[in-house]
Amino acid sequence: MKRRKFIQNASLSGIGLVAGATAASCAENPKNTETGMPVEKTKGLPVVIATWNVHNATAKAWEVLQEGRSALDAVEAGCKVEEANADGQSVGIGGLPDRDGNVTLDACIMDSEGNYGSVVYLQNIKHPISVARKVMEETPHVILAGAGARQFALESGFKAEDLLTEKSRQAWEKWKETSQYKPIINIENHDTIGMLAIDKNGDIAGGCTTSGLAYKMAGRVGDSPIIGAGLFVDNEVGGATATGLGEEVLKTVGSFLIVELMRQGKSPQQACEEAIRRIVAKNKNIDNFQVGYIAVNKKGESGYYSLQDGFWVTKYQDGKNNNSPSDFYNKKS
């Protein structure tokens, strides 16, 4: 009897230890109310990460987050900084035109609820990222294009203005001397601006804005405003965005791919590298174009990777606003 009682007590003690450990684990990692599974604590939040050297843009997004506002507000505010930067010739005002001399803009934005808004081939409106947000929040649609997008913007209170600066006009006039079209790798280290943010609540949002390829055919649309290609956010997993030659990003639905790879357990860095390898696998000649990806997961971990040398990333996290060169695939000897 004594032996049986000892075994029973030992078993109950073991159960108590396990229960205590489980309770401690749940206290450290709260459970998802829907699945009942422990949720890992987020680290290093809030965070903002963007393509290229855009200190001012990430600083503005960080400022918005410090005010306690949403990741969506931060992304819009950060992207608007670059759209208003006339010296940057790939986003917003001052963007290099198409071959007919028209500055045409694409942008999209996505919130933590999975909502998405986009404008394509928008003219005469400096802040396409804000128009995209209004498409998302105030219309039954997700994409507006061309004259329809412009009309919606004007009706929503946006001001029409000439976006072709003298600097970009002169560059276009110079290009017309040969009219030779080819993608420009790492154009002035300032291509499409993609931005991802996680706010203090752990909610993720993303935005992407561009004037597209310089001297493109009229009507050309790249990956930037297309959900799953230039940008994708899943608030349960993370987000990703792209820069570079949009045609190649579109072919592999790169941003969606990265988020799905993170869902399967890959880190943001591993997912970005795999997305670049998918592009390499489908191209015999990779020397003449660039693609770069950035990604962030729900825990605030980030990654970035590019096809060619020269891609840079700006990240604001833990109170530091830093530029970093990206590792890249095509390491020529």
C-alpha atoms as a PDB file:
ATOM      1  CA  MET A   1       0.000   0.000   0.000  1.00  0.00           C
ATOM      2  CA  LYS A   2       2.822   2.337   0.867  1.00  0.00           C
ATOM      3  CA  ARG A   3       4.510   1.586  -2.466  1.00  0.00           C
ATOM      4  CA  ARG A   4       1.242   2.192  -4.386  1.00  0.00           C
ATOM      5  CA  LYS A   5       0.683   5.484  -2.581  1.00  0.00           C
ATOM      6  CA  PHE A   6       4.273   6.576  -3.355  1.00  0.00           C
ATOM      7  CA  ILE A   7       3.784   5.840  -7.067  1.00  0.00           C
ATOM      8  CA  GLN A   8       0.474   7.753  -7.095  1.00  0.00           C
ATOM      9  CA  ASN A   9       2.050  10.757  -5.369  1.00  0.00           C
ATOM     10  CA  ALA A  10       5.032  10.698  -7.727  1.00  0.00           C
ATOM     11  CA  SER A  11       2.711  10.587 -10.728  1.00  0.00           C
ATOM     12  CA  LEU A  12       0.657  13.483  -9.436  1.00  0.00           C
ATOM     13  CA  SER A  13       3.842  15.459  -8.801  1.00  0.00           C
ATOM     14  CA  GLY A  14       4.983  14.806 -12.359  1.00  0.00           C
ATOM     15  CA  ILE A  15       1.659  15.949 -13.690  1.00  0.00           C
ATOM     16  CA  GLY A  16       1.944  19.060 -11.554  1.00  0.00           C
ATOM     17  CA  LEU A  17       5.386  19.807 -12.943  1.00  0.00           C
ATOM     18  CA  VAL A  18       4.189  19.381 -16.519  1.00  0.00           C
ATOM     19  CA  ALA A  19       1.102  21.500 -15.861  1.00  0.00           C
ATOM     20  CA  GLY A  20       3.237  24.151 -14.240  1.00  0.00           C
ATOM     21  CA  ALA A  21       5.639  24.203 -17.172  1.00  0.00           C
ATOM     22  CA  THR A  22       2.725  24.369 -19.585  1.00  0.00           C
ATOM     23  CA  ALA A  23       1.158  27.220 -17.666  1.00  0.00           C
ATOM     24  CA  ALA A  24       4.472  29.061 -17.628  1.00  0.00           C
ATOM     25  CA  SER A  25       4.855  28.505 -21.355  1.00  0.00           C
ATOM     26  CA  CYS A  26       1.358  29.847 -21.999  1.00  0.00           C
ATOM     27  CA  ALA A  27       2.084  32.850 -19.816  1.00  0.00           C
ATOM     28  CA  GLU A  28       5.185  33.568 -21.882  1.00  0.00           C
ATOM     29  CA  ASN A  29       3.467  32.751 -25.175  1.00  0.00           C
ATOM     30  CA  PRO A  30      -0.261  33.648 -25.204  1.00  0.00           C
ATOM     31  CA  LYS A  31      -2.598  31.357 -27.122  1.00  0.00           C
ATOM     32  CA  ASN A  32      -4.241  32.196 -30.406  1.00  0.00           C
ATOM     33  CA  THR A  33      -7.913  32.579 -29.540  1.00  0.00           C
ATOM     34  CA  GLU A  34      -8.980  30.746 -32.702  1.00  0.00           C
ATOM     35  CA  THR A  35      -6.536  27.828 -32.825  1.00  0.00           C
ATOM     36  CA  GLY A  36      -5.642  27.492 -29.140  1.00  0.00           C
ATOM     37  CA  MET A  37      -1.958  27.200 -30.112  1.00  0.00           C
ATOM     38  CA  PRO A  38       0.726  29.231 -28.320  1.00  0.00           C
ATOM     39  CA  VAL A  39       1.720  32.413 -30.121  1.00  0.00           C
ATOM     40  CA  GLU A  40       5.386  33.418 -30.027  1.00  0.00           C
ATOM     41  CA  LYS A  41       6.149  36.814 -28.618  1.00  0.00           C
ATOM     42  CA  THR A  42       7.104  39.440 -31.140  1.00  0.00           C
ATOM     43  CA  LYS A  43      10.542  41.011 -30.887  1.00  0.00           C
ATOM     44  CA  GLY A  44      11.944  44.393 -31.795  1.00  0.00           C
ATOM     45  CA  LEU A  45       8.637  46.081 -32.553  1.00  0.00           C
ATOM     46  CA  PRO A  46       7.697  48.375 -34.082  1.00  0.00           C
ATOM     47  CA  VAL A  47       9.748  48.002 -37.244  1.00  0.00           C
ATOM     48  CA  VAL A  48       9.896  49.657 -40.669  1.00  0.00           C
ATOM     49  CA  ILE A  49      11.849  48.272 -43.600  1.00  0.00           C
ATOM     50  CA  ALA A  50      12.048  49.691 -47.121  1.00  0.00           C
ATOM     51  CA  THR A  51      13.850  49.158 -50.383  1.00  0.00           C
ATOM     52  CA  TRP A  52      16.835  51.390 -51.242  1.00  0.00           C
ATOM     53  CA  ASN A  53      18.415  54.302 -49.362  1.00  0.00           C
ATOM     54  CA  VAL A  54      15.355  56.096 -48.033  1.00  0.00           C
ATOM     55  CA  HIS A  55      16.291  57.317 -44.546  1.00  0.00           C
ATOM     56  CA  ASN A  56      13.761  60.135 -44.628  1.00  0.00           C
ATOM     57  CA  ALA A  57      10.931  57.810 -45.626  1.00  0.00           C
ATOM     58  CA  THR A  58      11.606  55.258 -42.898  1.00  0.00           C
ATOM     59  CA  ALA A  59      12.105  58.064 -40.371  1.00  0.00           C
ATOM     60  CA  LYS A  60       8.667  59.441 -41.199  1.00  0.00           C
ATOM     61  CA  ALA A  61       7.058  56.006 -40.936  1.00  0.00           C
ATOM     62  CA  TRP A  62       8.793  55.438 -37.590  1.00  0.00           C
ATOM     63  CA  GLU A  63       7.563  58.804 -36.333  1.00  0.00           C
ATOM     64  CA  VAL A  64       4.000  57.786 -37.167  1.00  0.00           C
ATOM     65  CA  LEU A  65       4.420  54.487 -35.327  1.00  0.00           C
ATOM     66  CA  GLN A  66       5.840  56.266 -32.271  1.00  0.00           C
ATOM     67  CA  GLU A  67       2.660  58.340 -32.175  1.00  0.00           C
ATOM     68  CA  GLY A  68       0.766  55.085 -31.671  1.00  0.00           C
ATOM     69  CA  ARG A  69      -0.796  55.086 -35.118  1.00  0.00           C
ATOM     70  CA  SER A  70      -1.222  52.051 -37.353  1.00  0.00           C
ATOM     71  CA  ALA A  71       1.244  50.308 -39.634  1.00  0.00           C
ATOM     72  CA  LEU A  72      -1.014  51.346 -42.523  1.00  0.00           C
ATOM     73  CA  ASP A  73      -0.697  55.034 -41.598  1.00  0.00           C
ATOM     74  CA  ALA A  74       3.068  54.615 -41.282  1.00  0.00           C
ATOM     75  CA  VAL A  75       3.489  53.006 -44.686  1.00  0.00           C
ATOM     76  CA  GLU A  76       1.418  55.661 -46.433  1.00  0.00           C
ATOM     77  CA  ALA A  77       3.293  58.496 -44.740  1.00  0.00           C
ATOM     78  CA  GLY A  78       6.681  56.941 -45.490  1.00  0.00           C
ATOM     79  CA  CYS A  79       5.940  56.334 -49.166  1.00  0.00           C
ATOM     80  CA  LYS A  80       4.639  59.887 -49.576  1.00  0.00           C
ATOM     81  CA  VAL A  81       8.047  61.248 -48.575  1.00  0.00           C
ATOM     82  CA  GLU A  82       9.654  59.645 -51.621  1.00  0.00           C
ATOM     83  CA  GLU A  83       6.742  60.467 -53.915  1.00  0.00           C
ATOM     84  CA  ALA A  84       7.276  64.154 -53.053  1.00  0.00           C
ATOM     85  CA  ASN A  85      11.042  63.943 -53.590  1.00  0.00           C
ATOM     86  CA  ALA A  86      11.564  65.600 -56.987  1.00  0.00           C
ATOM     87  CA  ASP A  87      15.229  64.587 -57.037  1.00  0.00           C
ATOM     88  CA  GLY A  88      14.312  60.906 -57.093  1.00  0.00           C
ATOM     89  CA  GLN A  89      13.561  59.938 -60.685  1.00  0.00           C
ATOM     90  CA  SER A  90      11.677  56.724 -60.087  1.00  0.00           C
ATOM     91  CA  VAL A  91       8.824  57.603 -57.726  1.00  0.00           C
ATOM     92  CA  GLY A  92       6.145  60.314 -57.806  1.00  0.00           C
ATOM     93  CA  ILE A  93       7.020  63.805 -58.984  1.00  0.00           C
ATOM     94  CA  GLY A  94      10.153  63.841 -61.120  1.00  0.00           C
ATOM     95  CA  GLY A  95       9.762  60.215 -62.136  1.00  0.00           C
ATOM     96  CA  LEU A  96      11.281  59.375 -65.513  1.00  0.00           C
ATOM     97  CA  PRO A  97       8.550  59.317 -68.176  1.00  0.00           C
ATOM     98  CA  ASP A  98       7.454  56.744 -70.699  1.00  0.00           C
ATOM     99  CA  ARG A  99       8.754  56.993 -74.265  1.00  0.00           C
ATOM    100  CA  ASP A 100       6.060  59.562 -75.074  1.00  0.00           C
ATOM    101  CA  GLY A 101       7.167  61.873 -72.281  1.00  0.00           C
ATOM    102  CA  ASN A 102       4.332  61.102 -69.836  1.00  0.00           C
ATOM    103  CA  VAL A 103       5.019  60.382 -66.160  1.00  0.00           C
ATOM    104  CA  THR A 104       2.734  57.487 -65.259  1.00  0.00           C
ATOM    105  CA  LEU A 105       2.538  56.111 -61.746  1.00  0.00           C
ATOM    106  CA  ASP A 106       1.609  52.771 -60.175  1.00  0.00           C
ATOM    107  CA  ALA A 107       1.058  52.079 -56.489  1.00  0.00           C
ATOM    108  CA  CYS A 108      -0.646  49.702 -54.108  1.00  0.00           C
ATOM    109  CA  ILE A 109      -1.231  49.393 -50.395  1.00  0.00           C
ATOM    110  CA  MET A 110      -2.349  46.485 -48.208  1.00  0.00           C
ATOM    111  CA  ASP A 111      -3.514  46.447 -44.592  1.00  0.00           C
ATOM    112  CA  SER A 112      -3.464  43.870 -41.807  1.00  0.00           C
ATOM    113  CA  GLU A 113      -7.016  42.756 -42.570  1.00  0.00           C
ATOM    114  CA  GLY A 114      -6.075  41.632 -46.076  1.00  0.00           C
ATOM    115  CA  ASN A 115      -7.653  44.654 -47.763  1.00  0.00           C
ATOM    116  CA  TYR A 116      -5.872  45.996 -50.830  1.00  0.00           C
ATOM    117  CA  GLY A 117      -6.039  49.048 -53.072  1.00  0.00           C
ATOM    118  CA  SER A 118      -4.172  49.889 -56.239  1.00  0.00           C
ATOM    119  CA  VAL A 119      -3.830  52.457 -59.008  1.00  0.00           C
ATOM    120  CA  VAL A 120      -2.135  51.808 -62.345  1.00  0.00           C
ATOM    121  CA  TYR A 121      -1.077  54.179 -65.104  1.00  0.00           C
ATOM    122  CA  LEU A 122      -2.098  57.204 -63.035  1.00  0.00           C
ATOM    123  CA  GLN A 123      -1.069  60.624 -64.389  1.00  0.00           C
ATOM    124  CA  ASN A 124      -0.765  64.117 -62.867  1.00  0.00           C
ATOM    125  CA  ILE A 125      -1.263  63.003 -59.258  1.00  0.00           C
ATOM    126  CA  LYS A 126       1.796  63.207 -56.998  1.00  0.00           C
ATOM    127  CA  HIS A 127       0.718  60.721 -54.303  1.00  0.00           C
ATOM    128  CA  PRO A 128      -0.542  57.497 -55.895  1.00  0.00           C
ATOM    129  CA  ILE A 129      -0.056  55.622 -52.594  1.00  0.00           C
ATOM    130  CA  SER A 130      -2.754  57.792 -51.015  1.00  0.00           C
ATOM    131  CA  VAL A 131      -5.072  57.340 -53.980  1.00  0.00           C
ATOM    132  CA  ALA A 132      -4.540  53.570 -53.686  1.00  0.00           C
ATOM    133  CA  ARG A 133      -5.576  53.734 -50.034  1.00  0.00           C
ATOM    134  CA  LYS A 134      -8.754  55.587 -50.953  1.00  0.00           C
ATOM    135  CA  VAL A 135      -9.513  52.947 -53.589  1.00  0.00           C
ATOM    136  CA  MET A 136      -9.155  50.351 -50.834  1.00  0.00           C
ATOM    137  CA  GLU A 137     -11.226  52.179 -48.237  1.00  0.00           C
ATOM    138  CA  GLU A 138     -13.835  54.099 -50.228  1.00  0.00           C
ATOM    139  CA  THR A 139     -14.696  52.016 -53.305  1.00  0.00           C
ATOM    140  CA  PRO A 140     -16.018  48.495 -53.919  1.00  0.00           C
ATOM    141  CA  HIS A 141     -12.969  47.845 -56.155  1.00  0.00           C
ATOM    142  CA  VAL A 142      -9.307  47.037 -55.617  1.00  0.00           C
ATOM    143  CA  ILE A 143      -7.730  48.465 -58.801  1.00  0.00           C
ATOM    144  CA  LEU A 144      -8.445  51.647 -60.746  1.00  0.00           C
ATOM    145  CA  ALA A 145      -6.537  52.433 -63.941  1.00  0.00           C
ATOM    146  CA  GLY A 146      -5.575  55.340 -66.169  1.00  0.00           C
ATOM    147  CA  ALA A 147      -8.147  58.077 -66.736  1.00  0.00           C
ATOM    148  CA  GLY A 148     -10.561  56.432 -64.302  1.00  0.00           C
ATOM    149  CA  ALA A 149      -7.982  56.446 -61.532  1.00  0.00           C
ATOM    150  CA  ARG A 150      -7.176  60.105 -62.264  1.00  0.00           C
ATOM    151  CA  GLN A 151     -10.847  61.072 -62.215  1.00  0.00           C
ATOM    152  CA  PHE A 152     -11.350  59.285 -58.897  1.00  0.00           C
ATOM    153  CA  ALA A 153      -8.304  61.059 -57.448  1.00  0.00           C
ATOM    154  CA  LEU A 154      -9.554  64.497 -58.529  1.00  0.00           C
ATOM    155  CA  GLU A 155     -13.026  63.779 -57.153  1.00  0.00           C
ATOM    156  CA  SER A 156     -11.377  62.721 -53.884  1.00  0.00           C
ATOM    157  CA  GLY A 157      -9.668  66.084 -53.518  1.00  0.00           C
ATOM    158  CA  PHE A 158      -6.221  65.397 -54.954  1.00  0.00           C
ATOM    159  CA  LYS A 159      -4.594  68.209 -56.926  1.00  0.00           C
ATOM    160  CA  ALA A 160      -3.594  67.762 -60.578  1.00  0.00           C
ATOM    161  CA  GLU A 161      -0.042  68.855 -61.338  1.00  0.00           C
ATOM    162  CA  ASP A 162       2.668  68.391 -63.942  1.00  0.00           C
ATOM    163  CA  LEU A 163       5.002  65.692 -62.614  1.00  0.00           C
ATOM    164  CA  LEU A 164       7.646  65.982 -65.346  1.00  0.00           C
ATOM    165  CA  THR A 165      10.468  68.027 -63.814  1.00  0.00           C
ATOM    166  CA  GLU A 166      13.075  69.791 -65.923  1.00  0.00           C
ATOM    167  CA  LYS A 167      15.688  67.245 -64.851  1.00  0.00           C
ATOM    168  CA  SER A 168      13.561  64.324 -66.034  1.00  0.00           C
ATOM    169  CA  ARG A 169      12.506  66.149 -69.210  1.00  0.00           C
ATOM    170  CA  GLN A 170      16.141  66.676 -70.168  1.00  0.00           C
ATOM    171  CA  ALA A 171      16.906  63.009 -69.515  1.00  0.00           C
ATOM    172  CA  TRP A 172      14.003  62.035 -71.773  1.00  0.00           C
ATOM    173  CA  GLU A 173      15.179  64.387 -74.534  1.00  0.00           C
ATOM    174  CA  LYS A 174      18.628  62.819 -74.306  1.00  0.00           C
ATOM    175  CA  TRP A 175      17.143  59.321 -74.500  1.00  0.00           C
ATOM    176  CA  LYS A 176      15.217  60.231 -77.653  1.00  0.00           C
ATOM    177  CA  GLU A 177      18.501  60.741 -79.522  1.00  0.00           C
ATOM    178  CA  THR A 178      18.836  56.953 -79.724  1.00  0.00           C
ATOM    179  CA  SER A 179      15.464  55.769 -78.367  1.00  0.00           C
ATOM    180  CA  GLN A 180      17.209  52.613 -77.176  1.00  0.00           C
ATOM    181  CA  TYR A 181      15.091  50.858 -74.604  1.00  0.00           C
ATOM    182  CA  LYS A 182      16.547  48.626 -71.942  1.00  0.00           C
ATOM    183  CA  PRO A 183      16.058  48.266 -68.191  1.00  0.00           C
ATOM    184  CA  ILE A 184      18.527  50.284 -66.112  1.00  0.00           C
ATOM    185  CA  ILE A 185      19.951  48.243 -63.247  1.00  0.00           C
ATOM    186  CA  ASN A 186      19.890  50.040 -59.870  1.00  0.00           C
ATOM    187  CA  ILE A 187      18.912  53.352 -61.450  1.00  0.00           C
ATOM    188  CA  GLU A 188      20.602  55.939 -59.199  1.00  0.00           C
ATOM    189  CA  ASN A 189      20.254  53.418 -56.364  1.00  0.00           C
ATOM    190  CA  HIS A 190      16.657  54.533 -56.048  1.00  0.00           C
ATOM    191  CA  ASP A 191      14.139  52.358 -57.853  1.00  0.00           C
ATOM    192  CA  THR A 192      10.606  51.354 -56.851  1.00  0.00           C
ATOM    193  CA  ILE A 193       9.953  52.084 -53.176  1.00  0.00           C
ATOM    194  CA  GLY A 194       8.476  49.156 -51.278  1.00  0.00           C
ATOM    195  CA  MET A 195       7.848  49.531 -47.551  1.00  0.00           C
ATOM    196  CA  LEU A 196       6.695  47.146 -44.821  1.00  0.00           C
ATOM    197  CA  ALA A 197       5.794  48.111 -41.253  1.00  0.00           C
ATOM    198  CA  ILE A 198       4.710  46.383 -38.060  1.00  0.00           C
ATOM    199  CA  ASP A 199       3.119  48.551 -35.406  1.00  0.00           C
ATOM    200  CA  LYS A 200       3.222  48.136 -31.620  1.00  0.00           C
ATOM    201  CA  ASN A 201       0.146  45.886 -31.800  1.00  0.00           C
ATOM    202  CA  GLY A 202       1.979  43.497 -34.097  1.00  0.00           C
ATOM    203  CA  ASP A 203      -0.163  44.354 -37.134  1.00  0.00           C
ATOM    204  CA  ILE A 204       1.524  44.416 -40.545  1.00  0.00           C
ATOM    205  CA  ALA A 205       0.923  46.669 -43.555  1.00  0.00           C
ATOM    206  CA  GLY A 206       2.780  47.327 -46.780  1.00  0.00           C
ATOM    207  CA  GLY A 207       2.958  49.743 -49.668  1.00  0.00           C
ATOM    208  CA  CYS A 208       4.683  49.964 -53.023  1.00  0.00           C
ATOM    209  CA  THR A 209       4.987  53.001 -55.315  1.00  0.00           C
ATOM    210  CA  THR A 210       6.806  53.645 -58.598  1.00  0.00           C
ATOM    211  CA  SER A 211       6.916  55.517 -61.872  1.00  0.00           C
ATOM    212  CA  GLY A 212       7.825  52.230 -63.530  1.00  0.00           C
ATOM    213  CA  LEU A 213      10.531  51.550 -66.065  1.00  0.00           C
ATOM    214  CA  ALA A 214      12.016  54.634 -67.664  1.00  0.00           C
ATOM    215  CA  TYR A 215      10.949  55.119 -71.301  1.00  0.00           C
ATOM    216  CA  LYS A 216       8.556  52.170 -71.205  1.00  0.00           C
ATOM    217  CA  MET A 217       5.845  51.695 -73.803  1.00  0.00           C
ATOM    218  CA  ALA A 218       2.736  53.739 -73.110  1.00  0.00           C
ATOM    219  CA  GLY A 219       0.364  51.676 -71.007  1.00  0.00           C
ATOM    220  CA  ARG A 220       2.996  49.407 -69.482  1.00  0.00           C
ATOM    221  CA  VAL A 221       2.267  48.223 -65.945  1.00  0.00           C
ATOM    222  CA  GLY A 222       4.795  46.358 -63.836  1.00  0.00           C
ATOM    223  CA  ASP A 223       4.605  44.330 -60.659  1.00  0.00           C
ATOM    224  CA  SER A 224       4.427  47.191 -58.152  1.00  0.00           C
ATOM    225  CA  PRO A 225       0.625  47.676 -58.079  1.00  0.00           C
ATOM    226  CA  ILE A 226      -0.224  43.983 -58.439  1.00  0.00           C
ATOM    227  CA  ILE A 227      -1.149  42.066 -55.314  1.00  0.00           C
ATOM    228  CA  GLY A 228       1.063  39.023 -54.763  1.00  0.00           C
ATOM    229  CA  ALA A 229       3.734  40.286 -57.155  1.00  0.00           C
ATOM    230  CA  GLY A 230       5.036  43.673 -56.027  1.00  0.00           C
ATOM    231  CA  LEU A 231       3.502  43.397 -52.558  1.00  0.00           C
ATOM    232  CA  PHE A 232       1.780  40.883 -50.321  1.00  0.00           C
ATOM    233  CA  VAL A 233       0.852  40.945 -46.633  1.00  0.00           C
ATOM    234  CA  ASP A 234      -0.634  38.211 -44.469  1.00  0.00           C
ATOM    235  CA  ASN A 235      -1.008  39.412 -40.894  1.00  0.00           C
ATOM    236  CA  GLU A 236      -0.674  35.872 -39.539  1.00  0.00           C
ATOM    237  CA  VAL A 237       2.682  35.360 -41.240  1.00  0.00           C
ATOM    238  CA  GLY A 238       4.439  38.459 -42.571  1.00  0.00           C
ATOM    239  CA  GLY A 239       4.868  40.620 -45.635  1.00  0.00           C
ATOM    240  CA  ALA A 240       7.112  41.038 -48.660  1.00  0.00           C
ATOM    241  CA  THR A 241       7.680  43.573 -51.412  1.00  0.00           C
ATOM    242  CA  ALA A 242       9.814  43.822 -54.529  1.00  0.00           C
ATOM    243  CA  THR A 243      11.849  46.235 -56.643  1.00  0.00           C
ATOM    244  CA  GLY A 244      13.556  45.904 -59.998  1.00  0.00           C
ATOM    245  CA  LEU A 245      12.341  44.481 -63.316  1.00  0.00           C
ATOM    246  CA  GLY A 246       8.638  43.966 -62.687  1.00  0.00           C
ATOM    247  CA  GLU A 247       8.105  41.585 -65.593  1.00  0.00           C
ATOM    248  CA  GLU A 248      10.255  38.972 -63.849  1.00  0.00           C
ATOM    249  CA  VAL A 249       8.602  39.496 -60.463  1.00  0.00           C
ATOM    250  CA  LEU A 250       5.175  39.068 -62.071  1.00  0.00           C
ATOM    251  CA  LYS A 251       6.159  35.769 -63.674  1.00  0.00           C
ATOM    252  CA  THR A 252       6.930  34.205 -60.307  1.00  0.00           C
ATOM    253  CA  VAL A 253       4.395  36.079 -58.123  1.00  0.00           C
ATOM    254  CA  GLY A 254       7.389  36.841 -55.951  1.00  0.00           C
ATOM    255  CA  SER A 255       5.964  38.563 -52.884  1.00  0.00           C
ATOM    256  CA  PHE A 256       3.207  35.997 -52.406  1.00  0.00           C
ATOM    257  CA  LEU A 257       5.805  33.258 -52.820  1.00  0.00           C
ATOM    258  CA  ILE A 258       7.960  34.740 -50.064  1.00  0.00           C
ATOM    259  CA  VAL A 259       5.056  34.974 -47.617  1.00  0.00           C
ATOM    260  CA  GLU A 260       4.024  31.400 -48.344  1.00  0.00           C
ATOM    261  CA  LEU A 261       7.592  30.204 -47.810  1.00  0.00           C
ATOM    262  CA  MET A 262       7.595  31.972 -44.441  1.00  0.00           C
ATOM    263  CA  ARG A 263       4.290  30.277 -43.655  1.00  0.00           C
ATOM    264  CA  GLN A 264       6.026  26.954 -44.264  1.00  0.00           C
ATOM    265  CA  GLY A 265       8.689  27.851 -41.706  1.00  0.00           C
ATOM    266  CA  LYS A 266      11.424  29.594 -43.676  1.00  0.00           C
ATOM    267  CA  SER A 267      12.977  32.743 -42.258  1.00  0.00           C
ATOM    268  CA  PRO A 268      12.480  36.010 -44.154  1.00  0.00           C
ATOM    269  CA  GLN A 269      16.057  35.762 -45.404  1.00  0.00           C
ATOM    270  CA  GLN A 270      15.669  32.184 -46.623  1.00  0.00           C
ATOM    271  CA  ALA A 271      12.387  33.063 -48.334  1.00  0.00           C
ATOM    272  CA  CYS A 272      13.882  36.052 -50.184  1.00  0.00           C
ATOM    273  CA  GLU A 273      16.798  33.954 -51.388  1.00  0.00           C
ATOM    274  CA  GLU A 274      14.492  31.219 -52.659  1.00  0.00           C
ATOM    275  CA  ALA A 275      12.382  33.768 -54.539  1.00  0.00           C
ATOM    276  CA  ILE A 276      15.482  35.017 -56.360  1.00  0.00           C
ATOM    277  CA  ARG A 277      16.485  31.444 -57.193  1.00  0.00           C
ATOM    278  CA  ARG A 278      13.065  30.917 -58.799  1.00  0.00           C
ATOM    279  CA  ILE A 279      13.784  33.842 -61.136  1.00  0.00           C
ATOM    280  CA  VAL A 280      17.235  32.501 -61.950  1.00  0.00           C
ATOM    281  CA  ALA A 281      15.786  29.099 -62.793  1.00  0.00           C
ATOM    282  CA  LYS A 282      13.543  30.645 -65.451  1.00  0.00           C
ATOM    283  CA  ASN A 283      16.130  32.896 -67.115  1.00  0.00           C
ATOM    284  CA  LYS A 284      19.122  31.858 -69.208  1.00  0.00           C
ATOM    285  CA  ASN A 285      20.630  35.351 -69.034  1.00  0.00           C
ATOM    286  CA  ILE A 286      20.426  37.134 -65.694  1.00  0.00           C
ATOM    287  CA  ASP A 287      23.173  39.705 -66.274  1.00  0.00           C
ATOM    288  CA  ASN A 288      21.045  42.547 -67.619  1.00  0.00           C
ATOM    289  CA  PHE A 289      18.321  43.068 -65.033  1.00  0.00           C
ATOM    290  CA  GLN A 290      17.879  43.472 -61.304  1.00  0.00           C
ATOM    291  CA  VAL A 291      15.303  42.210 -58.820  1.00  0.00           C
ATOM    292  CA  GLY A 292      15.431  42.782 -55.076  1.00  0.00           C
ATOM    293  CA  TYR A 293      13.135  41.562 -52.310  1.00  0.00           C
ATOM    294  CA  ILE A 294      12.589  42.532 -48.693  1.00  0.00           C
ATOM    295  CA  ALA A 295      10.478  40.648 -46.161  1.00  0.00           C
ATOM    296  CA  VAL A 296       9.444  40.743 -42.528  1.00  0.00           C
ATOM    297  CA  ASN A 297       7.730  38.087 -40.436  1.00  0.00           C
ATOM    298  CA  LYS A 298       5.271  38.338 -37.569  1.00  0.00           C
ATOM    299  CA  LYS A 299       8.086  38.268 -34.998  1.00  0.00           C
ATOM    300  CA  GLY A 300       9.717  41.363 -36.471  1.00  0.00           C
ATOM    301  CA  GLU A 301      12.544  39.448 -38.148  1.00  0.00           C
ATOM    302  CA  SER A 302      13.523  40.723 -41.594  1.00  0.00           C
ATOM    303  CA  GLY A 303      15.409  39.584 -44.663  1.00  0.00           C
ATOM    304  CA  TYR A 304      16.481  40.909 -48.057  1.00  0.00           C
ATOM    305  CA  TYR A 305      18.236  39.586 -51.121  1.00  0.00           C
ATOM    306  CA  SER A 306      18.787  40.603 -54.732  1.00  0.00           C
ATOM    307  CA  LEU A 307      19.808  39.210 -58.070  1.00  0.00           C
ATOM    308  CA  GLN A 308      22.649  41.682 -58.673  1.00  0.00           C
ATOM    309  CA  ASP A 309      25.023  43.731 -56.554  1.00  0.00           C
ATOM    310  CA  GLY A 310      23.977  47.274 -55.671  1.00  0.00           C
ATOM    311  CA  PHE A 311      20.657  46.747 -53.881  1.00  0.00           C
ATOM    312  CA  TRP A 312      20.339  48.524 -50.530  1.00  0.00           C
ATOM    313  CA  VAL A 313      17.766  48.357 -47.757  1.00  0.00           C
ATOM    314  CA  THR A 314      16.789  50.844 -45.039  1.00  0.00           C
ATOM    315  CA  LYS A 315      15.456  49.523 -41.738  1.00  0.00           C
ATOM    316  CA  TYR A 316      14.261  51.401 -38.658  1.00  0.00           C
ATOM    317  CA  GLN A 317      14.165  49.118 -35.637  1.00  0.00           C
ATOM    318  CA  ASP A 318      15.148  49.373 -31.965  1.00  0.00           C
ATOM    319  CA  GLY A 319      15.529  53.125 -32.381  1.00  0.00           C
ATOM    320  CA  LYS A 320      18.101  52.862 -35.193  1.00  0.00           C
ATOM    321  CA  ASN A 321      17.582  53.957 -38.804  1.00  0.00           C
ATOM    322  CA  ASN A 322      20.208  52.062 -40.806  1.00  0.00           C
ATOM    323  CA  ASN A 323      21.092  51.401 -44.443  1.00  0.00           C
ATOM    324  CA  SER A 324      22.475  48.004 -45.349  1.00  0.00           C
ATOM    325  CA  PRO A 325      23.798  46.563 -48.612  1.00  0.00           C
ATOM    326  CA  SER A 326      22.028  43.399 -49.665  1.00  0.00           C
ATOM    327  CA  ASP A 327      23.700  40.101 -50.367  1.00  0.00           C
ATOM    328  CA  PHE A 328      23.092  38.996 -53.949  1.00  0.00           C
ATOM    329  CA  TYR A 329      23.020  35.957 -56.199  1.00  0.00           C
ATOM    330  CA  ASN A 330      25.027  36.861 -59.307  1.00  0.00           C
ATOM    331  CA  LYS A 331      28.576  36.947 -57.930  1.00  0.00           C
ATOM    332  CA  LYS A 332      30.756  37.150 -61.019  1.00  0.00           C
ATOM    333  CA  SER A 333      34.371  36.108 -60.596  1.00  0.00           C
END
